[in-house]
Amino acid sequence: ETFIATEGMYTGAFVYVGKKAQLAVGNVLPLSEMPEGTICCNV
């Protein structure tokens, strides 16, 4: 897949996508799983 790169992403980094993914930079989650004040992009 071709994603928009987030700041801090690098080759070889692991990216987790899905409802059960951890809240970490570069991961893709539903907005309901992000707490208030979370910075996100490509929404």
PDB file of all heavy atoms in Angstrom:
ATOM      1  N   GLU A   1       0.848  -1.191   0.000  1.00  0.00           N
ATOM      2  CA  GLU A   1       0.000   0.000   0.000  1.00  0.00           C
ATOM      3  C   GLU A   1       0.885   1.243   0.000  1.00  0.00           C
ATOM      4  O   GLU A   1       2.036   1.204   0.448  1.00  0.00           O
ATOM      5  CB  GLU A   1      -0.903   0.024   1.246  1.00  0.00           C
ATOM      6  CG  GLU A   1      -1.810  -1.178   1.397  1.00  0.00           C
ATOM      7  CD  GLU A   1      -3.021  -1.134   0.468  1.00  0.00           C
ATOM      8  OE1 GLU A   1      -3.221  -0.095  -0.203  1.00  0.00           O
ATOM      9  OE2 GLU A   1      -3.752  -2.133   0.417  1.00  0.00           O
ATOM     10  N   THR A   2       0.331   2.355  -0.496  1.00  0.00           N
ATOM     11  CA  THR A   2       1.047   3.634  -0.481  1.00  0.00           C
ATOM     12  C   THR A   2       0.349   4.563   0.500  1.00  0.00           C
ATOM     13  O   THR A   2      -0.772   5.011   0.247  1.00  0.00           O
ATOM     14  CB  THR A   2       1.083   4.263  -1.887  1.00  0.00           C
ATOM     15  OG1 THR A   2       1.617   3.309  -2.812  1.00  0.00           O
ATOM     16  CG2 THR A   2       1.956   5.513  -1.889  1.00  0.00           C
ATOM     17  N   PHE A   3       1.001   4.807   1.633  1.00  0.00           N
ATOM     18  CA  PHE A   3       0.464   5.693   2.672  1.00  0.00           C
ATOM     19  C   PHE A   3       1.141   7.050   2.592  1.00  0.00           C
ATOM     20  O   PHE A   3       2.247   7.174   2.054  1.00  0.00           O
ATOM     21  CB  PHE A   3       0.736   5.122   4.075  1.00  0.00           C
ATOM     22  CG  PHE A   3      -0.121   3.948   4.463  1.00  0.00           C
ATOM     23  CD1 PHE A   3      -1.028   3.380   3.579  1.00  0.00           C
ATOM     24  CD2 PHE A   3      -0.021   3.386   5.729  1.00  0.00           C
ATOM     25  CE1 PHE A   3      -1.807   2.298   3.935  1.00  0.00           C
ATOM     26  CE2 PHE A   3      -0.793   2.296   6.103  1.00  0.00           C
ATOM     27  CZ  PHE A   3      -1.689   1.753   5.202  1.00  0.00           C
ATOM     28  N   ILE A   4       0.495   8.073   3.155  1.00  0.00           N
ATOM     29  CA  ILE A   4       1.172   9.353   3.373  1.00  0.00           C
ATOM     30  C   ILE A   4       2.077   9.176   4.590  1.00  0.00           C
ATOM     31  O   ILE A   4       1.622   8.739   5.651  1.00  0.00           O
ATOM     32  CB  ILE A   4       0.152  10.480   3.586  1.00  0.00           C
ATOM     33  CG1 ILE A   4      -0.633  10.718   2.296  1.00  0.00           C
ATOM     34  CG2 ILE A   4       0.834  11.771   4.031  1.00  0.00           C
ATOM     35  CD1 ILE A   4      -1.754  11.721   2.428  1.00  0.00           C
ATOM     36  N   ALA A   5       3.362   9.505   4.426  1.00  0.00           N
ATOM     37  CA  ALA A   5       4.324   9.282   5.506  1.00  0.00           C
ATOM     38  C   ALA A   5       4.080  10.258   6.654  1.00  0.00           C
ATOM     39  O   ALA A   5       3.817  11.440   6.433  1.00  0.00           O
ATOM     40  CB  ALA A   5       5.749   9.445   4.987  1.00  0.00           C
ATOM     41  N   THR A   6       4.155   9.743   7.879  1.00  0.00           N
ATOM     42  CA  THR A   6       4.049  10.605   9.063  1.00  0.00           C
ATOM     43  C   THR A   6       5.444  10.907   9.580  1.00  0.00           C
ATOM     44  O   THR A   6       6.391  10.161   9.309  1.00  0.00           O
ATOM     45  CB  THR A   6       3.222   9.928  10.180  1.00  0.00           C
ATOM     46  OG1 THR A   6       3.754   8.630  10.420  1.00  0.00           O
ATOM     47  CG2 THR A   6       1.777   9.823   9.803  1.00  0.00           C
ATOM     48  N   GLU A   7       5.553  12.006  10.316  1.00  0.00           N
ATOM     49  CA  GLU A   7       6.838  12.429  10.844  1.00  0.00           C
ATOM     50  C   GLU A   7       7.362  11.377  11.826  1.00  0.00           C
ATOM     51  O   GLU A   7       6.645  10.988  12.746  1.00  0.00           O
ATOM     52  CB  GLU A   7       6.689  13.785  11.534  1.00  0.00           C
ATOM     53  CG  GLU A   7       7.958  14.607  11.536  1.00  0.00           C
ATOM     54  CD  GLU A   7       7.698  16.065  11.818  1.00  0.00           C
ATOM     55  OE1 GLU A   7       7.385  16.807  10.863  1.00  0.00           O
ATOM     56  OE2 GLU A   7       7.770  16.447  12.997  1.00  0.00           O
ATOM     57  N   GLY A   8       8.590  10.929  11.616  1.00  0.00           N
ATOM     58  CA  GLY A   8       9.174   9.898  12.470  1.00  0.00           C
ATOM     59  C   GLY A   8       9.155   8.522  11.835  1.00  0.00           C
ATOM     60  O   GLY A   8       9.739   7.574  12.367  1.00  0.00           O
ATOM     61  N   MET A   9       8.502   8.372  10.676  1.00  0.00           N
ATOM     62  CA  MET A   9       8.453   7.080   9.983  1.00  0.00           C
ATOM     63  C   MET A   9       9.796   6.829   9.283  1.00  0.00           C
ATOM     64  O   MET A   9      10.439   7.775   8.825  1.00  0.00           O
ATOM     65  CB  MET A   9       7.306   7.110   8.969  1.00  0.00           C
ATOM     66  CG  MET A   9       6.821   5.756   8.528  1.00  0.00           C
ATOM     67  SD  MET A   9       5.394   5.914   7.418  1.00  0.00           S
ATOM     68  CE  MET A   9       4.049   5.726   8.571  1.00  0.00           C
ATOM     69  N   TYR A  10      10.233   5.588   9.208  1.00  0.00           N
ATOM     70  CA  TYR A  10      11.502   5.253   8.561  1.00  0.00           C
ATOM     71  C   TYR A  10      11.397   3.869   7.937  1.00  0.00           C
ATOM     72  O   TYR A  10      10.510   3.078   8.288  1.00  0.00           O
ATOM     73  CB  TYR A  10      12.660   5.297   9.574  1.00  0.00           C
ATOM     74  CG  TYR A  10      12.464   4.399  10.771  1.00  0.00           C
ATOM     75  CD1 TYR A  10      12.939   3.092  10.788  1.00  0.00           C
ATOM     76  CD2 TYR A  10      11.776   4.864  11.905  1.00  0.00           C
ATOM     77  CE1 TYR A  10      12.742   2.267  11.875  1.00  0.00           C
ATOM     78  CE2 TYR A  10      11.579   4.046  13.006  1.00  0.00           C
ATOM     79  CZ  TYR A  10      12.071   2.749  12.984  1.00  0.00           C
ATOM     80  OH  TYR A  10      11.863   1.931  14.061  1.00  0.00           O
ATOM     81  N   THR A  11      12.289   3.578   7.008  1.00  0.00           N
ATOM     82  CA  THR A  11      12.252   2.276   6.348  1.00  0.00           C
ATOM     83  C   THR A  11      12.603   1.192   7.365  1.00  0.00           C
ATOM     84  O   THR A  11      13.530   1.347   8.172  1.00  0.00           O
ATOM     85  CB  THR A  11      13.250   2.209   5.173  1.00  0.00           C
ATOM     86  OG1 THR A  11      14.529   2.609   5.627  1.00  0.00           O
ATOM     87  CG2 THR A  11      12.818   3.089   4.037  1.00  0.00           C
ATOM     88  N   GLY A  12      11.841   0.114   7.328  1.00  0.00           N
ATOM     89  CA  GLY A  12      12.014  -0.966   8.294  1.00  0.00           C
ATOM     90  C   GLY A  12      11.121  -0.833   9.508  1.00  0.00           C
ATOM     91  O   GLY A  12      11.038  -1.751  10.319  1.00  0.00           O
ATOM     92  N   ALA A  13      10.435   0.327   9.652  1.00  0.00           N
ATOM     93  CA  ALA A  13       9.539   0.515  10.795  1.00  0.00           C
ATOM     94  C   ALA A  13       8.291  -0.344  10.621  1.00  0.00           C
ATOM     95  O   ALA A  13       7.833  -0.587   9.499  1.00  0.00           O
ATOM     96  CB  ALA A  13       9.148   1.985  10.925  1.00  0.00           C
ATOM     97  N   PHE A  14       7.730  -0.793  11.742  1.00  0.00           N
ATOM     98  CA  PHE A  14       6.485  -1.558  11.696  1.00  0.00           C
ATOM     99  C   PHE A  14       5.307  -0.613  11.859  1.00  0.00           C
ATOM    100  O   PHE A  14       5.341   0.317  12.673  1.00  0.00           O
ATOM    101  CB  PHE A  14       6.455  -2.626  12.794  1.00  0.00           C
ATOM    102  CG  PHE A  14       7.457  -3.727  12.576  1.00  0.00           C
ATOM    103  CD1 PHE A  14       8.465  -3.964  13.505  1.00  0.00           C
ATOM    104  CD2 PHE A  14       7.389  -4.513  11.438  1.00  0.00           C
ATOM    105  CE1 PHE A  14       9.395  -4.981  13.308  1.00  0.00           C
ATOM    106  CE2 PHE A  14       8.315  -5.530  11.223  1.00  0.00           C
ATOM    107  CZ  PHE A  14       9.316  -5.763  12.161  1.00  0.00           C
ATOM    108  N   VAL A  15       4.271  -0.849  11.056  1.00  0.00           N
ATOM    109  CA  VAL A  15       3.045  -0.049  11.096  1.00  0.00           C
ATOM    110  C   VAL A  15       1.892  -0.997  11.388  1.00  0.00           C
ATOM    111  O   VAL A  15       1.763  -2.045  10.738  1.00  0.00           O
ATOM    112  CB  VAL A  15       2.827   0.674   9.740  1.00  0.00           C
ATOM    113  CG1 VAL A  15       1.465   1.337   9.695  1.00  0.00           C
ATOM    114  CG2 VAL A  15       3.920   1.702   9.507  1.00  0.00           C
ATOM    115  N   TYR A  16       1.073  -0.646  12.367  1.00  0.00           N
ATOM    116  CA  TYR A  16      -0.072  -1.477  12.731  1.00  0.00           C
ATOM    117  C   TYR A  16      -1.361  -0.751  12.372  1.00  0.00           C
ATOM    118  O   TYR A  16      -1.499   0.446  12.673  1.00  0.00           O
ATOM    119  CB  TYR A  16      -0.040  -1.798  14.230  1.00  0.00           C
ATOM    120  CG  TYR A  16       1.181  -2.598  14.629  1.00  0.00           C
ATOM    121  CD1 TYR A  16       2.355  -1.953  15.015  1.00  0.00           C
ATOM    122  CD2 TYR A  16       1.160  -3.989  14.617  1.00  0.00           C
ATOM    123  CE1 TYR A  16       3.482  -2.684  15.381  1.00  0.00           C
ATOM    124  CE2 TYR A  16       2.278  -4.729  14.988  1.00  0.00           C
ATOM    125  CZ  TYR A  16       3.433  -4.071  15.365  1.00  0.00           C
ATOM    126  OH  TYR A  16       4.543  -4.794  15.711  1.00  0.00           O
ATOM    127  N   VAL A  17      -2.272  -1.467  11.722  1.00  0.00           N
ATOM    128  CA  VAL A  17      -3.542  -0.861  11.324  1.00  0.00           C
ATOM    129  C   VAL A  17      -4.691  -1.717  11.854  1.00  0.00           C
ATOM    130  O   VAL A  17      -4.616  -2.939  11.849  1.00  0.00           O
ATOM    131  CB  VAL A  17      -3.651  -0.714   9.783  1.00  0.00           C
ATOM    132  CG1 VAL A  17      -2.547   0.173   9.244  1.00  0.00           C
ATOM    133  CG2 VAL A  17      -3.616  -2.061   9.089  1.00  0.00           C
ATOM    134  N   GLY A  18      -5.732  -1.062  12.338  1.00  0.00           N
ATOM    135  CA  GLY A  18      -6.899  -1.794  12.820  1.00  0.00           C
ATOM    136  C   GLY A  18      -7.386  -1.296  14.164  1.00  0.00           C
ATOM    137  O   GLY A  18      -6.728  -0.499  14.834  1.00  0.00           O
ATOM    138  N   LYS A  19      -8.543  -1.805  14.563  1.00  0.00           N
ATOM    139  CA  LYS A  19      -9.181  -1.364  15.806  1.00  0.00           C
ATOM    140  C   LYS A  19      -8.331  -1.681  17.033  1.00  0.00           C
ATOM    141  O   LYS A  19      -8.290  -0.911  17.995  1.00  0.00           O
ATOM    142  CB  LYS A  19     -10.563  -2.036  15.936  1.00  0.00           C
ATOM    143  CG  LYS A  19     -11.368  -1.509  17.106  1.00  0.00           C
ATOM    144  CD  LYS A  19     -12.738  -2.158  17.167  1.00  0.00           C
ATOM    145  CE  LYS A  19     -13.539  -1.602  18.336  1.00  0.00           C
ATOM    146  NZ  LYS A  19     -14.854  -2.232  18.452  1.00  0.00           N
ATOM    147  N   LYS A  20      -7.622  -2.810  17.010  1.00  0.00           N
ATOM    148  CA  LYS A  20      -6.840  -3.234  18.184  1.00  0.00           C
ATOM    149  C   LYS A  20      -5.385  -2.734  18.128  1.00  0.00           C
ATOM    150  O   LYS A  20      -4.575  -3.123  18.963  1.00  0.00           O
ATOM    151  CB  LYS A  20      -6.848  -4.765  18.266  1.00  0.00           C
ATOM    152  CG  LYS A  20      -8.239  -5.395  18.375  1.00  0.00           C
ATOM    153  CD  LYS A  20      -8.763  -5.339  19.789  1.00  0.00           C
ATOM    154  CE  LYS A  20     -10.170  -5.917  19.895  1.00  0.00           C
ATOM    155  NZ  LYS A  20     -10.220  -7.370  19.730  1.00  0.00           N
ATOM    156  N   ALA A  21      -5.061  -1.900  17.137  1.00  0.00           N
ATOM    157  CA  ALA A  21      -3.684  -1.400  17.027  1.00  0.00           C
ATOM    158  C   ALA A  21      -3.363  -0.458  18.187  1.00  0.00           C
ATOM    159  O   ALA A  21      -4.247   0.177  18.760  1.00  0.00           O
ATOM    160  CB  ALA A  21      -3.492  -0.685  15.695  1.00  0.00           C
ATOM    161  N   GLN A  22      -2.092  -0.379  18.510  1.00  0.00           N
ATOM    162  CA  GLN A  22      -1.636   0.472  19.610  1.00  0.00           C
ATOM    163  C   GLN A  22      -1.631   1.929  19.172  1.00  0.00           C
ATOM    164  O   GLN A  22      -1.443   2.236  18.000  1.00  0.00           O
ATOM    165  CB  GLN A  22      -0.221   0.040  20.014  1.00  0.00           C
ATOM    166  CG  GLN A  22       0.273   0.653  21.309  1.00  0.00           C
ATOM    167  CD  GLN A  22       1.672   0.174  21.649  1.00  0.00           C
ATOM    168  OE1 GLN A  22       2.217  -0.670  20.959  1.00  0.00           O
ATOM    169  NE2 GLN A  22       2.250   0.726  22.699  1.00  0.00           N
ATOM    170  N   LEU A  23      -1.836   2.836  20.138  1.00  0.00           N
ATOM    171  CA  LEU A  23      -1.806   4.269  19.848  1.00  0.00           C
ATOM    172  C   LEU A  23      -0.346   4.714  19.773  1.00  0.00           C
ATOM    173  O   LEU A  23       0.253   5.070  20.779  1.00  0.00           O
ATOM    174  CB  LEU A  23      -2.562   5.058  20.925  1.00  0.00           C
ATOM    175  CG  LEU A  23      -2.754   6.542  20.635  1.00  0.00           C
ATOM    176  CD1 LEU A  23      -3.821   6.746  19.585  1.00  0.00           C
ATOM    177  CD2 LEU A  23      -3.126   7.295  21.910  1.00  0.00           C
ATOM    178  N   ALA A  24       0.216   4.656  18.557  1.00  0.00           N
ATOM    179  CA  ALA A  24       1.615   5.050  18.345  1.00  0.00           C
ATOM    180  C   ALA A  24       1.725   5.736  16.994  1.00  0.00           C
ATOM    181  O   ALA A  24       0.909   5.490  16.091  1.00  0.00           O
ATOM    182  CB  ALA A  24       2.526   3.824  18.401  1.00  0.00           C
ATOM    183  N   VAL A  25       2.718   6.589  16.852  1.00  0.00           N
ATOM    184  CA  VAL A  25       2.882   7.381  15.627  1.00  0.00           C
ATOM    185  C   VAL A  25       3.024   6.467  14.417  1.00  0.00           C
ATOM    186  O   VAL A  25       3.816   5.517  14.424  1.00  0.00           O
ATOM    187  CB  VAL A  25       4.101   8.319  15.744  1.00  0.00           C
ATOM    188  CG1 VAL A  25       4.404   8.987  14.411  1.00  0.00           C
ATOM    189  CG2 VAL A  25       3.869   9.364  16.821  1.00  0.00           C
ATOM    190  N   GLY A  26       2.230   6.743  13.390  1.00  0.00           N
ATOM    191  CA  GLY A  26       2.270   5.963  12.155  1.00  0.00           C
ATOM    192  C   GLY A  26       1.199   4.899  12.067  1.00  0.00           C
ATOM    193  O   GLY A  26       0.912   4.393  10.979  1.00  0.00           O
ATOM    194  N   ASN A  27       0.591   4.522  13.224  1.00  0.00           N
ATOM    195  CA  ASN A  27      -0.445   3.493  13.223  1.00  0.00           C
ATOM    196  C   ASN A  27      -1.788   4.070  12.794  1.00  0.00           C
ATOM    197  O   ASN A  27      -2.056   5.258  12.988  1.00  0.00           O
ATOM    198  CB  ASN A  27      -0.577   2.850  14.603  1.00  0.00           C
ATOM    199  CG  ASN A  27       0.629   2.008  14.953  1.00  0.00           C
ATOM    200  OD1 ASN A  27       1.535   1.835  14.136  1.00  0.00           O
ATOM    201  ND2 ASN A  27       0.661   1.480  16.157  1.00  0.00           N
ATOM    202  N   VAL A  28      -2.627   3.221  12.224  1.00  0.00           N
ATOM    203  CA  VAL A  28      -3.939   3.632  11.719  1.00  0.00           C
ATOM    204  C   VAL A  28      -5.019   3.010  12.601  1.00  0.00           C
ATOM    205  O   VAL A  28      -5.085   1.782  12.737  1.00  0.00           O
ATOM    206  CB  VAL A  28      -4.135   3.203  10.245  1.00  0.00           C
ATOM    207  CG1 VAL A  28      -5.497   3.627   9.732  1.00  0.00           C
ATOM    208  CG2 VAL A  28      -3.028   3.796   9.376  1.00  0.00           C
ATOM    209  N   LEU A  29      -5.852   3.867  13.207  1.00  0.00           N
ATOM    210  CA  LEU A  29      -6.907   3.409  14.121  1.00  0.00           C
ATOM    211  C   LEU A  29      -8.213   4.113  13.790  1.00  0.00           C
ATOM    212  O   LEU A  29      -8.209   5.201  13.192  1.00  0.00           O
ATOM    213  CB  LEU A  29      -6.550   3.746  15.573  1.00  0.00           C
ATOM    214  CG  LEU A  29      -5.421   3.065  16.302  1.00  0.00           C
ATOM    215  CD1 LEU A  29      -4.080   3.645  15.933  1.00  0.00           C
ATOM    216  CD2 LEU A  29      -5.632   3.209  17.798  1.00  0.00           C
ATOM    217  N   PRO A  30      -9.344   3.533  14.224  1.00  0.00           N
ATOM    218  CA  PRO A  30     -10.602   4.294  14.172  1.00  0.00           C
ATOM    219  C   PRO A  30     -10.527   5.465  15.152  1.00  0.00           C
ATOM    220  O   PRO A  30      -9.858   5.381  16.188  1.00  0.00           O
ATOM    221  CB  PRO A  30     -11.662   3.274  14.616  1.00  0.00           C
ATOM    222  CG  PRO A  30     -11.007   1.945  14.535  1.00  0.00           C
ATOM    223  CD  PRO A  30      -9.540   2.168  14.705  1.00  0.00           C
ATOM    224  N   LEU A  31     -11.206   6.553  14.846  1.00  0.00           N
ATOM    225  CA  LEU A  31     -11.157   7.735  15.712  1.00  0.00           C
ATOM    226  C   LEU A  31     -11.699   7.424  17.104  1.00  0.00           C
ATOM    227  O   LEU A  31     -11.282   8.030  18.092  1.00  0.00           O
ATOM    228  CB  LEU A  31     -11.956   8.884  15.083  1.00  0.00           C
ATOM    229  CG  LEU A  31     -11.445   9.402  13.732  1.00  0.00           C
ATOM    230  CD1 LEU A  31     -12.290  10.579  13.279  1.00  0.00           C
ATOM    231  CD2 LEU A  31      -9.976   9.802  13.795  1.00  0.00           C
ATOM    232  N   SER A  32     -12.623   6.458  17.189  1.00  0.00           N
ATOM    233  CA  SER A  32     -13.204   6.112  18.489  1.00  0.00           C
ATOM    234  C   SER A  32     -12.156   5.552  19.447  1.00  0.00           C
ATOM    235  O   SER A  32     -12.329   5.596  20.667  1.00  0.00           O
ATOM    236  CB  SER A  32     -14.330   5.089  18.306  1.00  0.00           C
ATOM    237  OG  SER A  32     -13.831   3.924  17.664  1.00  0.00           O
ATOM    238  N   GLU A  33     -11.043   5.012  18.911  1.00  0.00           N
ATOM    239  CA  GLU A  33      -9.985   4.429  19.750  1.00  0.00           C
ATOM    240  C   GLU A  33      -8.915   5.449  20.141  1.00  0.00           C
ATOM    241  O   GLU A  33      -7.968   5.112  20.836  1.00  0.00           O
ATOM    242  CB  GLU A  33      -9.326   3.249  19.010  1.00  0.00           C
ATOM    243  CG  GLU A  33     -10.284   2.137  18.598  1.00  0.00           C
ATOM    244  CD  GLU A  33     -11.024   1.533  19.785  1.00  0.00           C
ATOM    245  OE1 GLU A  33     -10.361   1.216  20.784  1.00  0.00           O
ATOM    246  OE2 GLU A  33     -12.262   1.391  19.696  1.00  0.00           O
ATOM    247  N   MET A  34      -9.049   6.683  19.638  1.00  0.00           N
ATOM    248  CA  MET A  34      -8.067   7.723  19.969  1.00  0.00           C
ATOM    249  C   MET A  34      -8.638   8.619  21.065  1.00  0.00           C
ATOM    250  O   MET A  34      -9.758   9.115  20.928  1.00  0.00           O
ATOM    251  CB  MET A  34      -7.754   8.588  18.739  1.00  0.00           C
ATOM    252  CG  MET A  34      -7.160   7.844  17.571  1.00  0.00           C
ATOM    253  SD  MET A  34      -6.749   8.985  16.235  1.00  0.00           S
ATOM    254  CE  MET A  34      -6.442   7.845  14.893  1.00  0.00           C
ATOM    255  N   PRO A  35      -7.907   8.855  22.148  1.00  0.00           N
ATOM    256  CA  PRO A  35      -8.424   9.734  23.206  1.00  0.00           C
ATOM    257  C   PRO A  35      -8.462  11.196  22.762  1.00  0.00           C
ATOM    258  O   PRO A  35      -7.841  11.572  21.756  1.00  0.00           O
ATOM    259  CB  PRO A  35      -7.420   9.532  24.347  1.00  0.00           C
ATOM    260  CG  PRO A  35      -6.192   9.011  23.700  1.00  0.00           C
ATOM    261  CD  PRO A  35      -6.608   8.271  22.480  1.00  0.00           C
ATOM    262  N   GLU A  36      -9.186  12.007  23.516  1.00  0.00           N
ATOM    263  CA  GLU A  36      -9.268  13.437  23.213  1.00  0.00           C
ATOM    264  C   GLU A  36      -7.884  14.064  23.259  1.00  0.00           C
ATOM    265  O   GLU A  36      -7.076  13.742  24.128  1.00  0.00           O
ATOM    266  CB  GLU A  36     -10.187  14.138  24.220  1.00  0.00           C
ATOM    267  CG  GLU A  36     -11.647  13.788  24.037  1.00  0.00           C
ATOM    268  CD  GLU A  36     -12.540  14.499  25.047  1.00  0.00           C
ATOM    269  OE1 GLU A  36     -12.101  15.533  25.586  1.00  0.00           O
ATOM    270  OE2 GLU A  36     -13.657  14.007  25.294  1.00  0.00           O
ATOM    271  N   GLY A  37      -7.636  14.979  22.316  1.00  0.00           N
ATOM    272  CA  GLY A  37      -6.350  15.650  22.257  1.00  0.00           C
ATOM    273  C   GLY A  37      -5.334  14.954  21.365  1.00  0.00           C
ATOM    274  O   GLY A  37      -4.230  15.469  21.162  1.00  0.00           O
ATOM    275  N   THR A  38      -5.694  13.788  20.808  1.00  0.00           N
ATOM    276  CA  THR A  38      -4.762  13.064  19.937  1.00  0.00           C
ATOM    277  C   THR A  38      -4.541  13.836  18.632  1.00  0.00           C
ATOM    278  O   THR A  38      -5.487  14.348  18.037  1.00  0.00           O
ATOM    279  CB  THR A  38      -5.304  11.653  19.616  1.00  0.00           C
ATOM    280  OG1 THR A  38      -5.546  10.964  20.830  1.00  0.00           O
ATOM    281  CG2 THR A  38      -4.328  10.863  18.770  1.00  0.00           C
ATOM    282  N   ILE A  39      -3.293  13.902  18.202  1.00  0.00           N
ATOM    283  CA  ILE A  39      -2.929  14.507  16.920  1.00  0.00           C
ATOM    284  C   ILE A  39      -2.979  13.403  15.865  1.00  0.00           C
ATOM    285  O   ILE A  39      -2.331  12.361  16.020  1.00  0.00           O
ATOM    286  CB  ILE A  39      -1.503  15.109  16.984  1.00  0.00           C
ATOM    287  CG1 ILE A  39      -1.411  16.183  18.068  1.00  0.00           C
ATOM    288  CG2 ILE A  39      -1.080  15.650  15.641  1.00  0.00           C
ATOM    289  CD1 ILE A  39      -2.231  17.412  17.824  1.00  0.00           C
ATOM    290  N   CYS A  40      -3.729  13.633  14.797  1.00  0.00           N
ATOM    291  CA  CYS A  40      -3.841  12.618  13.749  1.00  0.00           C
ATOM    292  C   CYS A  40      -3.855  13.281  12.373  1.00  0.00           C
ATOM    293  O   CYS A  40      -4.004  14.496  12.263  1.00  0.00           O
ATOM    294  CB  CYS A  40      -5.082  11.750  13.953  1.00  0.00           C
ATOM    295  SG  CYS A  40      -6.612  12.685  14.025  1.00  0.00           S
ATOM    296  N   CYS A  41      -3.685  12.479  11.341  1.00  0.00           N
ATOM    297  CA  CYS A  41      -3.673  13.008   9.980  1.00  0.00           C
ATOM    298  C   CYS A  41      -4.280  11.976   9.035  1.00  0.00           C
ATOM    299  O   CYS A  41      -4.568  10.853   9.433  1.00  0.00           O
ATOM    300  CB  CYS A  41      -2.249  13.364   9.552  1.00  0.00           C
ATOM    301  SG  CYS A  41      -1.132  11.951   9.513  1.00  0.00           S
ATOM    302  N   ASN A  42      -4.447  12.362   7.779  1.00  0.00           N
ATOM    303  CA  ASN A  42      -5.057  11.495   6.755  1.00  0.00           C
ATOM    304  C   ASN A  42      -6.330  10.835   7.286  1.00  0.00           C
ATOM    305  O   ASN A  42      -6.494   9.616   7.257  1.00  0.00           O
ATOM    306  CB  ASN A  42      -4.053  10.434   6.285  1.00  0.00           C
ATOM    307  CG  ASN A  42      -4.450   9.813   4.958  1.00  0.00           C
ATOM    308  OD1 ASN A  42      -5.315  10.333   4.245  1.00  0.00           O
ATOM    309  ND2 ASN A  42      -3.849   8.700   4.619  1.00  0.00           N
ATOM    310  N   VAL A  43      -7.245  11.677   7.775  1.00  0.00           N
ATOM    311  CA  VAL A  43      -8.472  11.204   8.417  1.00  0.00           C
ATOM    312  C   VAL A  43      -9.553  10.997   7.358  1.00  0.00           C
ATOM    313  O   VAL A  43      -9.661  11.781   6.410  1.00  0.00           O
ATOM    314  CB  VAL A  43      -8.940  12.229   9.475  1.00  0.00           C
ATOM    315  CG1 VAL A  43     -10.202  11.763  10.172  1.00  0.00           C
ATOM    316  CG2 VAL A  43      -7.843  12.491  10.493  1.00  0.00           C
TER     317      VAL A  43
END
